[in-house]
C-alpha atoms as a PDB file:
ATOM      1  CA  MET A   1     -18.781  21.035   3.878  1.00  0.00           C
ATOM      2  CA  THR A   2     -18.667  17.251   4.617  1.00  0.00           C
ATOM      3  CA  ASP A   3     -15.188  15.786   5.278  1.00  0.00           C
ATOM      4  CA  PRO A   4     -13.900  13.141   2.849  1.00  0.00           C
ATOM      5  CA  VAL A   5     -14.233   9.541   3.839  1.00  0.00           C
ATOM      6  CA  LEU A   6     -10.850   8.618   2.318  1.00  0.00           C
ATOM      7  CA  THR A   7      -7.946  10.925   1.992  1.00  0.00           C
ATOM      8  CA  ILE A   8      -4.519  10.102   0.372  1.00  0.00           C
ATOM      9  CA  GLN A   9      -1.715  12.600   0.753  1.00  0.00           C
ATOM     10  CA  ALA A  10       1.736  12.555  -0.879  1.00  0.00           C
ATOM     11  CA  LEU A  11       1.673   8.766  -1.114  1.00  0.00           C
ATOM     12  CA  SER A  12       4.867   7.175  -2.527  1.00  0.00           C
ATOM     13  CA  TYR A  13       6.037   3.623  -2.998  1.00  0.00           C
ATOM     14  CA  ARG A  14       8.819   1.840  -4.786  1.00  0.00           C
ATOM     15  CA  TYR A  15       8.912  -1.732  -5.804  1.00  0.00           C
ATOM     16  CA  PRO A  16      11.731  -3.885  -4.399  1.00  0.00           C
ATOM     17  CA  ASN A  17      13.633  -3.460  -7.707  1.00  0.00           C
ATOM     18  CA  GLY A  18      13.631   0.354  -7.096  1.00  0.00           C
ATOM     19  CA  GLU A  19      11.034   1.266  -9.737  1.00  0.00           C
ATOM     20  CA  ALA A  20       8.554   3.987  -8.514  1.00  0.00           C
ATOM     21  CA  ALA A  21       4.920   2.890  -8.493  1.00  0.00           C
ATOM     22  CA  ALA A  22       3.469   5.817  -6.560  1.00  0.00           C
ATOM     23  CA  ARG A  23       4.881   9.306  -6.816  1.00  0.00           C
ATOM     24  CA  GLY A  24       3.267  11.664  -4.385  1.00  0.00           C
ATOM     25  CA  ILE A  25      -0.289  10.705  -5.041  1.00  0.00           C
ATOM     26  CA  ASP A  26      -3.028  12.966  -3.583  1.00  0.00           C
ATOM     27  CA  PHE A  27      -6.698  11.794  -3.640  1.00  0.00           C
ATOM     28  CA  THR A  28      -9.921  12.341  -1.841  1.00  0.00           C
ATOM     29  CA  LEU A  29     -13.175  10.373  -1.890  1.00  0.00           C
ATOM     30  CA  ASN A  30     -16.213  12.140  -0.644  1.00  0.00           C
ATOM     31  CA  PRO A  31     -19.381  10.662   1.026  1.00  0.00           C
ATOM     32  CA  GLY A  32     -21.643   8.973  -1.536  1.00  0.00           C
ATOM     33  CA  GLU A  33     -19.195   9.581  -4.357  1.00  0.00           C
ATOM     34  CA  LYS A  34     -18.396   6.948  -7.020  1.00  0.00           C
ATOM     35  CA  HIS A  35     -14.871   7.854  -8.158  1.00  0.00           C
ATOM     36  CA  GLY A  36     -13.139   6.067 -10.969  1.00  0.00           C
ATOM     37  CA  ILE A  37      -9.401   5.570 -11.311  1.00  0.00           C
ATOM     38  CA  ILE A  38      -8.348   5.152 -14.935  1.00  0.00           C
ATOM     39  CA  GLY A  39      -5.073   4.975 -16.722  1.00  0.00           C
ATOM     40  CA  PRO A  40      -2.891   2.931 -19.067  1.00  0.00           C
ATOM     41  CA  ASN A  41      -1.287  -0.395 -18.098  1.00  0.00           C
ATOM     42  CA  GLY A  42       1.596   0.102 -15.640  1.00  0.00           C
ATOM     43  CA  ALA A  43       0.189   3.364 -14.293  1.00  0.00           C
ATOM     44  CA  GLY A  44       0.148   2.023 -10.757  1.00  0.00           C
ATOM     45  CA  LYS A  45      -3.591   1.530 -10.251  1.00  0.00           C
ATOM     46  CA  SER A  46      -3.546  -1.911  -8.609  1.00  0.00           C
ATOM     47  CA  THR A  47      -0.601  -0.823  -6.479  1.00  0.00           C
ATOM     48  CA  LEU A  48      -2.619   2.121  -5.332  1.00  0.00           C
ATOM     49  CA  LEU A  49      -5.361  -0.171  -4.166  1.00  0.00           C
ATOM     50  CA  GLN A  50      -2.907  -2.315  -2.240  1.00  0.00           C
ATOM     51  CA  LEU A  51      -1.565   0.784  -0.541  1.00  0.00           C
ATOM     52  CA  VAL A  52      -5.048   2.012   0.440  1.00  0.00           C
ATOM     53  CA  THR A  53      -5.872  -1.418   2.002  1.00  0.00           C
ATOM     54  CA  GLY A  54      -2.595  -1.785   3.771  1.00  0.00           C
ATOM     55  CA  LEU A  55      -1.427  -4.730   1.745  1.00  0.00           C
ATOM     56  CA  LEU A  56       1.616  -2.668   0.923  1.00  0.00           C
ATOM     57  CA  LYS A  57       3.386  -0.209   3.162  1.00  0.00           C
ATOM     58  CA  PRO A  58       4.117   3.152   1.588  1.00  0.00           C
ATOM     59  CA  ASP A  59       7.591   4.688   1.589  1.00  0.00           C
ATOM     60  CA  GLY A  60       6.039   8.069   2.336  1.00  0.00           C
ATOM     61  CA  GLY A  61       2.726   9.882   2.675  1.00  0.00           C
ATOM     62  CA  THR A  62      -0.473   8.871   4.435  1.00  0.00           C
ATOM     63  CA  VAL A  63      -3.831   7.094   3.888  1.00  0.00           C
ATOM     64  CA  ARG A  64      -6.550   8.233   6.153  1.00  0.00           C
ATOM     65  CA  VAL A  65     -10.004   6.665   6.368  1.00  0.00           C
ATOM     66  CA  GLY A  66     -12.228   9.019   8.292  1.00  0.00           C
ATOM     67  CA  ASP A  67     -10.242  10.023  11.318  1.00  0.00           C
ATOM     68  CA  LEU A  68      -7.948   7.027  11.195  1.00  0.00           C
ATOM     69  CA  VAL A  69      -4.446   6.984   9.625  1.00  0.00           C
ATOM     70  CA  MET A  70      -3.385   3.685   8.019  1.00  0.00           C
ATOM     71  CA  ASP A  71      -0.633   2.403  10.341  1.00  0.00           C
ATOM     72  CA  LYS A  72       0.016  -0.764  12.355  1.00  0.00           C
ATOM     73  CA  SER A  73      -2.218   0.314  15.245  1.00  0.00           C
ATOM     74  CA  HIS A  74      -5.220   1.205  12.987  1.00  0.00           C
ATOM     75  CA  ARG A  75      -4.924  -1.327  10.234  1.00  0.00           C
ATOM     76  CA  ALA A  76      -7.462  -3.779  11.457  1.00  0.00           C
ATOM     77  CA  ALA A  77      -9.979  -0.979  12.285  1.00  0.00           C
ATOM     78  CA  ILE A  78      -9.520   0.517   8.844  1.00  0.00           C
ATOM     79  CA  ARG A  79      -9.911  -2.733   7.034  1.00  0.00           C
ATOM     80  CA  ARG A  80     -13.262  -3.263   8.701  1.00  0.00           C
ATOM     81  CA  LYS A  81     -14.446  -0.039   7.108  1.00  0.00           C
ATOM     82  CA  LEU A  82     -13.286  -1.073   3.596  1.00  0.00           C
ATOM     83  CA  GLY A  83     -15.006  -3.612   1.306  1.00  0.00           C
ATOM     84  CA  LEU A  84     -12.563  -4.789  -1.344  1.00  0.00           C
ATOM     85  CA  LEU A  85     -13.987  -6.603  -4.377  1.00  0.00           C
ATOM     86  CA  PHE A  86     -11.159  -8.627  -6.068  1.00  0.00           C
ATOM     87  CA  GLN A  87     -10.742  -8.775  -9.818  1.00  0.00           C
ATOM     88  CA  ASN A  88     -10.899 -12.567  -9.687  1.00  0.00           C
ATOM     89  CA  SER A  89     -14.026 -13.668  -7.761  1.00  0.00           C
ATOM     90  CA  ASP A  90     -12.509 -17.164  -7.256  1.00  0.00           C
ATOM     91  CA  ASP A  91     -10.047 -15.545  -4.823  1.00  0.00           C
ATOM     92  CA  GLN A  92     -13.022 -14.320  -2.744  1.00  0.00           C
ATOM     93  CA  LEU A  93     -15.249 -17.459  -2.637  1.00  0.00           C
ATOM     94  CA  PHE A  94     -14.073 -20.459  -0.768  1.00  0.00           C
ATOM     95  CA  SER A  95     -16.977 -22.009   1.130  1.00  0.00           C
ATOM     96  CA  LEU A  96     -19.265 -24.898   0.245  1.00  0.00           C
ATOM     97  CA  THR A  97     -22.277 -22.633  -0.487  1.00  0.00           C
ATOM     98  CA  VAL A  98     -22.798 -18.977  -1.473  1.00  0.00           C
ATOM     99  CA  ARG A  99     -24.713 -18.498   1.854  1.00  0.00           C
ATOM    100  CA  ASP A 100     -21.691 -19.751   3.842  1.00  0.00           C
ATOM    101  CA  ASP A 101     -19.444 -17.298   1.934  1.00  0.00           C
ATOM    102  CA  VAL A 102     -21.692 -14.360   2.603  1.00  0.00           C
ATOM    103  CA  ALA A 103     -22.094 -15.288   6.265  1.00  0.00           C
ATOM    104  CA  PHE A 104     -18.387 -15.873   6.821  1.00  0.00           C
ATOM    105  CA  GLY A 105     -17.437 -12.136   7.397  1.00  0.00           C
ATOM    106  CA  PRO A 106     -20.318 -11.363   9.792  1.00  0.00           C
ATOM    107  CA  LEU A 107     -19.674 -14.487  11.867  1.00  0.00           C
ATOM    108  CA  ASN A 108     -16.001 -13.638  12.128  1.00  0.00           C
ATOM    109  CA  MET A 109     -16.898 -10.129  13.221  1.00  0.00           C
ATOM    110  CA  GLY A 110     -18.520 -11.662  16.314  1.00  0.00           C
ATOM    111  CA  MET A 111     -22.110 -11.504  15.238  1.00  0.00           C
ATOM    112  CA  THR A 112     -24.543 -14.179  16.491  1.00  0.00           C
ATOM    113  CA  PRO A 113     -25.733 -16.883  13.978  1.00  0.00           C
ATOM    114  CA  GLU A 114     -29.144 -14.951  13.875  1.00  0.00           C
ATOM    115  CA  GLN A 115     -27.529 -11.661  13.209  1.00  0.00           C
ATOM    116  CA  ALA A 116     -25.232 -13.124  10.548  1.00  0.00           C
ATOM    117  CA  GLU A 117     -28.137 -14.703   8.836  1.00  0.00           C
ATOM    118  CA  GLU A 118     -29.989 -11.420   8.763  1.00  0.00           C
ATOM    119  CA  LYS A 119     -27.030  -9.632   7.273  1.00  0.00           C
ATOM    120  CA  THR A 120     -26.524 -12.503   4.792  1.00  0.00           C
ATOM    121  CA  LEU A 121     -30.083 -12.410   3.539  1.00  0.00           C
ATOM    122  CA  GLY A 122     -29.926  -8.647   3.167  1.00  0.00           C
ATOM    123  CA  ALA A 123     -26.731  -8.759   1.265  1.00  0.00           C
ATOM    124  CA  LEU A 124     -27.931 -11.516  -1.012  1.00  0.00           C
ATOM    125  CA  ALA A 125     -31.102  -9.450  -1.752  1.00  0.00           C
ATOM    126  CA  THR A 126     -29.129  -6.341  -2.527  1.00  0.00           C
ATOM    127  CA  ALA A 127     -26.913  -8.274  -4.975  1.00  0.00           C
ATOM    128  CA  GLY A 128     -30.038  -9.905  -6.552  1.00  0.00           C
ATOM    129  CA  ILE A 129     -28.945 -13.473  -5.808  1.00  0.00           C
ATOM    130  CA  VAL A 130     -31.180 -14.845  -3.024  1.00  0.00           C
ATOM    131  CA  HIS A 131     -31.986 -17.717  -5.364  1.00  0.00           C
ATOM    132  CA  LEU A 132     -28.252 -18.673  -5.415  1.00  0.00           C
ATOM    133  CA  ALA A 133     -27.851 -18.915  -1.667  1.00  0.00           C
ATOM    134  CA  ASP A 134     -27.470 -22.775  -1.552  1.00  0.00           C
ATOM    135  CA  ARG A 135     -25.500 -23.146  -4.719  1.00  0.00           C
ATOM    136  CA  ALA A 136     -21.876 -24.051  -4.600  1.00  0.00           C
ATOM    137  CA  PRO A 137     -19.643 -21.205  -5.802  1.00  0.00           C
ATOM    138  CA  HIS A 138     -17.788 -23.245  -8.289  1.00  0.00           C
ATOM    139  CA  THR A 139     -20.988 -23.991 -10.182  1.00  0.00           C
ATOM    140  CA  LEU A 140     -21.796 -20.347 -10.789  1.00  0.00           C
ATOM    141  CA  SER A 141     -21.271 -18.309 -13.887  1.00  0.00           C
ATOM    142  CA  GLY A 142     -18.675 -15.493 -13.869  1.00  0.00           C
ATOM    143  CA  GLY A 143     -21.456 -12.836 -13.345  1.00  0.00           C
ATOM    144  CA  GLU A 144     -23.055 -14.909 -10.535  1.00  0.00           C
ATOM    145  CA  LYS A 145     -19.660 -15.306  -8.831  1.00  0.00           C
ATOM    146  CA  LYS A 146     -19.144 -11.566  -9.033  1.00  0.00           C
ATOM    147  CA  SER A 147     -22.522 -10.914  -7.449  1.00  0.00           C
ATOM    148  CA  ALA A 148     -21.699 -13.462  -4.726  1.00  0.00           C
ATOM    149  CA  ALA A 149     -18.357 -11.845  -4.007  1.00  0.00           C
ATOM    150  CA  LEU A 150     -20.096  -8.406  -3.794  1.00  0.00           C
ATOM    151  CA  ALA A 151     -22.701  -9.850  -1.366  1.00  0.00           C
ATOM    152  CA  SER A 152     -19.892 -11.321   0.803  1.00  0.00           C
ATOM    153  CA  ILE A 153     -18.522  -7.727   1.145  1.00  0.00           C
ATOM    154  CA  LEU A 154     -21.844  -6.025   1.681  1.00  0.00           C
ATOM    155  CA  SER A 155     -22.745  -8.377   4.490  1.00  0.00           C
ATOM    156  CA  MET A 156     -20.011  -6.838   6.625  1.00  0.00           C
ATOM    157  CA  ASP A 157     -21.471  -3.293   6.268  1.00  0.00           C
ATOM    158  CA  PRO A 158     -18.368  -1.603   4.872  1.00  0.00           C
ATOM    159  CA  GLU A 159     -18.257   2.188   4.804  1.00  0.00           C
ATOM    160  CA  ILE A 160     -16.334   2.314   1.558  1.00  0.00           C
ATOM    161  CA  LEU A 161     -16.237  -0.003  -1.467  1.00  0.00           C
ATOM    162  CA  LEU A 162     -12.972  -0.569  -3.448  1.00  0.00           C
ATOM    163  CA  LEU A 163     -13.480  -2.301  -6.749  1.00  0.00           C
ATOM    164  CA  ASP A 164     -10.545  -3.734  -8.738  1.00  0.00           C
ATOM    165  CA  GLU A 165     -11.460  -4.230 -12.411  1.00  0.00           C
ATOM    166  CA  PRO A 166     -15.023  -5.308 -11.587  1.00  0.00           C
ATOM    167  CA  THR A 167     -16.106  -6.050 -15.076  1.00  0.00           C
ATOM    168  CA  ALA A 168     -13.134  -8.286 -16.056  1.00  0.00           C
ATOM    169  CA  GLY A 169     -14.469 -11.498 -17.585  1.00  0.00           C
ATOM    170  CA  LEU A 170     -18.139 -10.547 -17.433  1.00  0.00           C
ATOM    171  CA  ASP A 171     -20.559 -11.133 -20.279  1.00  0.00           C
ATOM    172  CA  PRO A 172     -22.718  -8.114 -21.410  1.00  0.00           C
ATOM    173  CA  ARG A 173     -25.822  -9.129 -19.304  1.00  0.00           C
ATOM    174  CA  SER A 174     -23.786  -9.698 -16.131  1.00  0.00           C
ATOM    175  CA  ARG A 175     -22.022  -6.361 -16.733  1.00  0.00           C
ATOM    176  CA  ARG A 176     -25.344  -4.584 -16.986  1.00  0.00           C
ATOM    177  CA  GLU A 177     -26.624  -6.219 -13.851  1.00  0.00           C
ATOM    178  CA  LEU A 178     -23.491  -5.154 -11.898  1.00  0.00           C
ATOM    179  CA  ILE A 179     -23.945  -1.596 -13.119  1.00  0.00           C
ATOM    180  CA  ARG A 180     -27.531  -1.543 -11.912  1.00  0.00           C
ATOM    181  CA  THR A 181     -26.592  -2.885  -8.526  1.00  0.00           C
ATOM    182  CA  LEU A 182     -23.704  -0.410  -7.997  1.00  0.00           C
ATOM    183  CA  ARG A 183     -25.823   2.490  -9.130  1.00  0.00           C
ATOM    184  CA  GLU A 184     -28.338   1.626  -6.433  1.00  0.00           C
ATOM    185  CA  LEU A 185     -25.808   1.439  -3.620  1.00  0.00           C
ATOM    186  CA  ALA A 186     -25.231   4.536  -1.539  1.00  0.00           C
ATOM    187  CA  HIS A 187     -21.635   3.579  -0.545  1.00  0.00           C
ATOM    188  CA  PRO A 188     -18.799   5.780  -1.592  1.00  0.00           C
ATOM    189  CA  MET A 189     -16.650   3.814  -4.070  1.00  0.00           C
ATOM    190  CA  MET A 190     -13.190   3.922  -5.462  1.00  0.00           C
ATOM    191  CA  VAL A 191     -13.372   2.067  -8.772  1.00  0.00           C
ATOM    192  CA  ILE A 192     -10.186   0.928 -10.639  1.00  0.00           C
ATOM    193  CA  SER A 193     -11.014  -0.134 -14.150  1.00  0.00           C
ATOM    194  CA  HIS A 194      -9.806  -0.171 -17.813  1.00  0.00           C
ATOM    195  CA  ASP A 195     -13.471  -0.353 -18.822  1.00  0.00           C
ATOM    196  CA  LEU A 196     -14.189   3.266 -19.572  1.00  0.00           C
ATOM    197  CA  ASP A 197     -17.811   2.527 -20.572  1.00  0.00           C
ATOM    198  CA  PHE A 198     -18.311   1.011 -17.098  1.00  0.00           C
ATOM    199  CA  ILE A 199     -16.702   4.084 -15.472  1.00  0.00           C
ATOM    200  CA  TRP A 200     -19.020   6.316 -17.576  1.00  0.00           C
ATOM    201  CA  ASP A 201     -22.078   4.353 -16.476  1.00  0.00           C
ATOM    202  CA  THR A 202     -21.168   4.239 -12.790  1.00  0.00           C
ATOM    203  CA  CYS A 203     -18.849   7.061 -11.717  1.00  0.00           C
ATOM    204  CA  SER A 204     -19.436  10.805 -11.220  1.00  0.00           C
ATOM    205  CA  ARG A 205     -15.784  11.727 -10.955  1.00  0.00           C
ATOM    206  CA  VAL A 206     -12.597  10.437 -12.523  1.00  0.00           C
ATOM    207  CA  SER A 207      -8.916  10.563 -11.681  1.00  0.00           C
ATOM    208  CA  LEU A 208      -6.344   9.706 -14.343  1.00  0.00           C
ATOM    209  CA  LEU A 209      -3.252   7.918 -13.027  1.00  0.00           C
ATOM    210  CA  HIS A 210      -0.089   8.041 -15.085  1.00  0.00           C
ATOM    211  CA  GLU A 211       3.324   6.903 -14.155  1.00  0.00           C
ATOM    212  CA  GLY A 212       2.464   6.731 -10.476  1.00  0.00           C
ATOM    213  CA  ARG A 213       0.959  10.220 -10.375  1.00  0.00           C
ATOM    214  CA  ILE A 214      -2.622  11.601 -10.560  1.00  0.00           C
ATOM    215  CA  ALA A 215      -2.316  13.510 -13.816  1.00  0.00           C
ATOM    216  CA  LEU A 216      -5.799  15.029 -13.435  1.00  0.00           C
ATOM    217  CA  THR A 217      -9.193  14.753 -11.666  1.00  0.00           C
ATOM    218  CA  GLY A 218     -12.532  15.929 -12.977  1.00  0.00           C
ATOM    219  CA  GLU A 219     -16.108  15.176 -13.657  1.00  0.00           C
ATOM    220  CA  ALA A 220     -16.508  11.916 -15.517  1.00  0.00           C
ATOM    221  CA  SER A 221     -18.867  13.471 -18.027  1.00  0.00           C
ATOM    222  CA  SER A 222     -16.107  15.890 -19.012  1.00  0.00           C
ATOM    223  CA  VAL A 223     -12.954  13.698 -18.766  1.00  0.00           C
ATOM    224  CA  LEU A 224     -14.404  10.781 -20.670  1.00  0.00           C
ATOM    225  CA  ARG A 225     -15.653  12.946 -23.526  1.00  0.00           C
ATOM    226  CA  ASP A 226     -12.146  14.442 -24.103  1.00  0.00           C
ATOM    227  CA  ARG A 227     -10.828  12.330 -26.939  1.00  0.00           C
ATOM    228  CA  GLU A 228      -7.558  14.326 -27.220  1.00  0.00           C
ATOM    229  CA  LEU A 229      -6.824  13.879 -23.585  1.00  0.00           C
ATOM    230  CA  LEU A 230      -7.579  10.198 -23.489  1.00  0.00           C
ATOM    231  CA  GLU A 231      -5.583   9.415 -26.577  1.00  0.00           C
ATOM    232  CA  ARG A 232      -2.579  11.358 -25.049  1.00  0.00           C
ATOM    233  CA  TYR A 233      -2.567   8.763 -22.217  1.00  0.00           C
ATOM    234  CA  GLY A 234      -3.124   5.729 -24.437  1.00  0.00           C
ATOM    235  CA  MET A 235      -6.898   5.330 -24.032  1.00  0.00           C
ATOM    236  CA  GLU A 236      -9.950   5.809 -26.274  1.00  0.00           C
ATOM    237  CA  LEU A 237     -13.347   7.307 -25.882  1.00  0.00           C
ATOM    238  CA  PRO A 238     -15.916   5.032 -24.259  1.00  0.00           C
ATOM    239  CA  LEU A 239     -17.544   2.980 -27.028  1.00  0.00           C
ATOM    240  CA  GLN A 240     -20.982   4.381 -26.387  1.00  0.00           C
ATOM    241  CA  LEU A 241     -19.678   7.874 -27.014  1.00  0.00           C
ATOM    242  CA  GLN A 242     -17.819   6.779 -30.162  1.00  0.00           C
ATOM    243  CA  ARG A 243     -21.188   5.351 -31.422  1.00  0.00           C
ATOM    244  CA  CYS A 244     -22.847   8.608 -30.467  1.00  0.00           C
ATOM    245  CA  GLU A 245     -20.337  10.475 -32.657  1.00  0.00           C
ATOM    246  CA  TRP A 246     -21.031   8.077 -35.540  1.00  0.00           C
ATOM    247  CA  CYS A 247     -24.700   8.660 -35.369  1.00  0.00           C
ATOM    248  CA  GLY A 248     -24.301  12.398 -34.868  1.00  0.00           C
ATOM    249  CA  GLY A 249     -26.328  12.449 -31.633  1.00  0.00           C
ATOM    250  CA  LYS A 250     -25.601  13.239 -27.970  1.00  0.00           C
ATOM    251  CA  ASN A 251     -25.111  10.961 -25.023  1.00  0.00           C
ATOM    252  CA  ASP A 252     -25.393  12.457 -21.545  1.00  0.00           C
ATOM    253  CA  ASN A 253     -24.234  10.728 -18.384  1.00  0.00           C
END
């Protein structure tokens, strides 16, 4: 059996005011797996992402990426393995052109200009935005910015993708294009989202976070069909499943 690429064990964290945000979280991400993290507002989803990336220091428990445990000595090495897509793309794009933004990571990893250009063009092609290479990021639409931000991560060859509310602010067409791109990527992904339709379309497994704890983990096709379960935690069936009920048909993941 293949070992997980990301393992979280007994992770706990309290905010400075004493409120518990993570209460003994256990979680694993397997190679090639797209794993959604869902839950109501205040469940601790964004805090979990900050703990995984080392932006916050846990009060207890461990985060392990491959064979490396997140601590001061391994933080830099682990972050090179992680590609974090921010909720707000403007926080991730800061150069004069999209090409410069996508090349920034490879150049700062010590690649030659030629190597960085190769990585940049490959990432732009994967994200479907080669035609935007010389555009200024501030002139892009929300969907184009999201694709540029994703390309800026892919150019650094991360082993794991971490996505924070990736569909926030996207129009339907941009959302569909993002889903298509993510489906084609082989990277294991930890996807935090309120958008259960997006989770349905992209993730094979789901963990439900509630009050800082993983309440359950299961196959997305099972969890997201369970109306009673979702309503118990303040959520609703994905809209496409609701429509399926209305028309009396079936919708398979």
